[in-house]
Amino acid sequence: MKTELKEQVFVTADALLAEGLNKPTNAQVRDRIGTGSLSHISPLMGEWRKLRQQDSIAKNAIPDD
């Protein structure tokens, strides 16, 4: 179930981001999914945010050569 919820949270957060929300909230994700507790969604959103930050840093990195 946790893997399924993680996938739902990540897909939903990405969709909200694509719709123009710069910082999707835990509550917005839960409302869109329609299920889940904030205590389960919150750490997953933290992981999603961390991955987004790492992706952003990697995209903006200046090549060494």
N, C-alpha and C. Protein backbone atom coordinates (compact mmCIF):
# COMPACT_ATOMS: atom_id res chain seq x y z
N MET A 1 0.82 -1.20 0.00
CA MET A 1 0.00 0.00 0.00
C MET A 1 0.86 1.26 0.00
N LYS A 2 1.97 1.25 0.76
CA LYS A 2 2.81 2.44 0.84
C LYS A 2 3.39 2.80 -0.52
N THR A 3 3.81 1.81 -1.29
CA THR A 3 4.35 2.08 -2.62
C THR A 3 3.27 2.68 -3.51
N GLU A 4 2.07 2.16 -3.40
CA GLU A 4 0.95 2.69 -4.18
C GLU A 4 0.64 4.13 -3.79
N LEU A 5 0.61 4.41 -2.49
CA LEU A 5 0.35 5.76 -2.02
C LEU A 5 1.47 6.70 -2.46
N LYS A 6 2.70 6.24 -2.38
CA LYS A 6 3.84 7.06 -2.80
C LYS A 6 3.70 7.46 -4.27
N GLU A 7 3.34 6.49 -5.10
CA GLU A 7 3.16 6.78 -6.51
C GLU A 7 2.03 7.78 -6.72
N GLN A 8 0.92 7.59 -6.01
CA GLN A 8 -0.21 8.51 -6.12
C GLN A 8 0.19 9.92 -5.70
N VAL A 9 0.92 10.02 -4.60
CA VAL A 9 1.35 11.34 -4.10
C VAL A 9 2.27 12.01 -5.11
N PHE A 10 3.26 11.30 -5.62
CA PHE A 10 4.21 11.88 -6.56
C PHE A 10 3.51 12.32 -7.85
N VAL A 11 2.66 11.47 -8.39
CA VAL A 11 1.94 11.79 -9.63
C VAL A 11 1.02 12.99 -9.42
N THR A 12 0.34 13.00 -8.30
CA THR A 12 -0.58 14.09 -8.00
C THR A 12 0.16 15.40 -7.78
N ALA A 13 1.25 15.37 -7.04
CA ALA A 13 2.04 16.58 -6.81
C ALA A 13 2.61 17.10 -8.13
N ASP A 14 3.07 16.21 -9.00
CA ASP A 14 3.56 16.62 -10.31
C ASP A 14 2.44 17.26 -11.14
N ALA A 15 1.24 16.69 -11.07
CA ALA A 15 0.10 17.23 -11.81
C ALA A 15 -0.26 18.62 -11.30
N LEU A 16 -0.28 18.80 -10.00
CA LEU A 16 -0.58 20.11 -9.43
C LEU A 16 0.48 21.13 -9.84
N LEU A 17 1.72 20.71 -9.87
CA LEU A 17 2.81 21.58 -10.31
C LEU A 17 2.61 21.97 -11.78
N ALA A 18 2.25 21.01 -12.60
CA ALA A 18 2.02 21.26 -14.02
C ALA A 18 0.83 22.19 -14.25
N GLU A 19 -0.11 22.19 -13.31
CA GLU A 19 -1.28 23.06 -13.40
C GLU A 19 -1.00 24.48 -12.93
N GLY A 20 0.24 24.72 -12.50
CA GLY A 20 0.63 26.08 -12.13
C GLY A 20 0.79 26.34 -10.65
N LEU A 21 0.57 25.35 -9.81
CA LEU A 21 0.81 25.53 -8.38
C LEU A 21 2.30 25.33 -8.13
N ASN A 22 2.98 26.38 -7.73
CA ASN A 22 4.43 26.30 -7.53
C ASN A 22 4.81 25.43 -6.35
N LYS A 23 3.96 25.40 -5.32
CA LYS A 23 4.26 24.63 -4.12
C LYS A 23 3.02 23.87 -3.67
N PRO A 24 2.75 22.71 -4.29
CA PRO A 24 1.59 21.93 -3.86
C PRO A 24 1.70 21.57 -2.38
N THR A 25 0.59 21.67 -1.68
CA THR A 25 0.58 21.37 -0.25
C THR A 25 0.15 19.93 -0.01
N ASN A 26 0.43 19.45 1.18
CA ASN A 26 0.01 18.11 1.56
C ASN A 26 -1.51 17.99 1.46
N ALA A 27 -2.23 19.01 1.94
CA ALA A 27 -3.69 18.99 1.92
C ALA A 27 -4.23 18.99 0.49
N GLN A 28 -3.62 19.75 -0.41
CA GLN A 28 -4.05 19.76 -1.81
C GLN A 28 -3.87 18.39 -2.44
N VAL A 29 -2.77 17.75 -2.14
CA VAL A 29 -2.51 16.41 -2.68
C VAL A 29 -3.54 15.42 -2.12
N ARG A 30 -3.77 15.48 -0.81
CA ARG A 30 -4.75 14.58 -0.19
C ARG A 30 -6.14 14.81 -0.77
N ASP A 31 -6.52 16.06 -0.94
CA ASP A 31 -7.84 16.36 -1.51
C ASP A 31 -7.97 15.80 -2.92
N ARG A 32 -6.91 15.91 -3.70
CA ARG A 32 -6.95 15.42 -5.09
C ARG A 32 -6.99 13.90 -5.14
N ILE A 33 -6.20 13.26 -4.27
CA ILE A 33 -6.20 11.79 -4.22
C ILE A 33 -7.54 11.28 -3.70
N GLY A 34 -8.06 11.98 -2.70
CA GLY A 34 -9.35 11.60 -2.13
C GLY A 34 -9.25 10.62 -0.98
N THR A 35 -8.04 10.32 -0.54
CA THR A 35 -7.85 9.38 0.55
C THR A 35 -6.49 9.62 1.18
N GLY A 36 -6.24 8.96 2.29
CA GLY A 36 -4.94 9.05 2.95
C GLY A 36 -4.94 10.06 4.08
N SER A 37 -4.07 9.82 5.02
CA SER A 37 -3.94 10.75 6.14
C SER A 37 -2.73 11.64 5.91
N LEU A 38 -2.79 12.82 6.49
CA LEU A 38 -1.66 13.73 6.35
C LEU A 38 -0.40 13.16 6.97
N SER A 39 -0.55 12.31 7.98
CA SER A 39 0.63 11.71 8.60
C SER A 39 1.34 10.73 7.66
N HIS A 40 0.61 10.20 6.70
CA HIS A 40 1.24 9.33 5.69
C HIS A 40 1.71 10.14 4.48
N ILE A 41 0.95 11.16 4.13
CA ILE A 41 1.26 11.96 2.95
C ILE A 41 2.42 12.91 3.20
N SER A 42 2.51 13.46 4.38
CA SER A 42 3.53 14.46 4.69
C SER A 42 4.96 13.99 4.43
N PRO A 43 5.38 12.82 4.92
CA PRO A 43 6.76 12.40 4.63
C PRO A 43 7.00 12.12 3.14
N LEU A 44 5.96 11.68 2.46
CA LEU A 44 6.09 11.42 1.02
C LEU A 44 6.25 12.73 0.26
N MET A 45 5.52 13.75 0.69
CA MET A 45 5.66 15.07 0.07
C MET A 45 7.05 15.65 0.36
N GLY A 46 7.57 15.39 1.54
CA GLY A 46 8.93 15.82 1.85
C GLY A 46 9.94 15.17 0.91
N GLU A 47 9.74 13.89 0.67
CA GLU A 47 10.62 13.17 -0.27
C GLU A 47 10.47 13.74 -1.68
N TRP A 48 9.23 14.01 -2.09
CA TRP A 48 8.97 14.57 -3.42
C TRP A 48 9.66 15.93 -3.56
N ARG A 49 9.53 16.77 -2.54
CA ARG A 49 10.15 18.10 -2.59
C ARG A 49 11.68 17.98 -2.69
N LYS A 50 12.25 17.06 -1.94
CA LYS A 50 13.70 16.87 -1.96
C LYS A 50 14.16 16.41 -3.35
N LEU A 51 13.43 15.50 -3.97
CA LEU A 51 13.76 15.04 -5.32
C LEU A 51 13.64 16.17 -6.33
N ARG A 52 12.60 16.99 -6.20
CA ARG A 52 12.42 18.13 -7.10
C ARG A 52 13.59 19.10 -6.96
N GLN A 53 14.03 19.33 -5.73
CA GLN A 53 15.14 20.24 -5.48
C GLN A 53 16.42 19.69 -6.11
N GLN A 54 16.66 18.38 -5.96
CA GLN A 54 17.85 17.77 -6.55
C GLN A 54 17.80 17.84 -8.07
N ASP A 55 16.63 17.62 -8.66
CA ASP A 55 16.47 17.73 -10.11
C ASP A 55 16.76 19.15 -10.59
N SER A 56 16.28 20.11 -9.83
CA SER A 56 16.49 21.51 -10.18
C SER A 56 17.98 21.87 -10.13
N ILE A 57 18.66 21.41 -9.11
CA ILE A 57 20.10 21.67 -8.98
C ILE A 57 20.86 21.02 -10.13
N ALA A 58 20.49 19.79 -10.47
CA ALA A 58 21.18 19.08 -11.55
C ALA A 58 20.95 19.77 -12.90
N LYS A 59 19.74 20.28 -13.13
CA LYS A 59 19.44 20.95 -14.41
C LYS A 59 20.17 22.28 -14.53
N ASN A 60 20.42 22.93 -13.40
CA ASN A 60 21.05 24.24 -13.43
C ASN A 60 22.56 24.20 -13.22
N ALA A 61 23.11 23.00 -13.10
CA ALA A 61 24.55 22.86 -12.88
C ALA A 61 25.32 23.30 -14.13
N ILE A 62 26.43 23.93 -13.91
CA ILE A 62 27.30 24.35 -15.02
C ILE A 62 28.27 23.21 -15.32
N PRO A 63 28.33 22.79 -16.56
CA PRO A 63 29.25 21.69 -16.90
C PRO A 63 30.70 22.10 -16.65
N ASP A 64 31.53 21.12 -16.30
CA ASP A 64 32.94 21.36 -16.01
C ASP A 64 33.75 21.69 -17.26
N ASP A 65 33.32 21.16 -18.40
CA ASP A 65 34.11 21.36 -19.62
C ASP A 65 33.70 22.57 -20.32
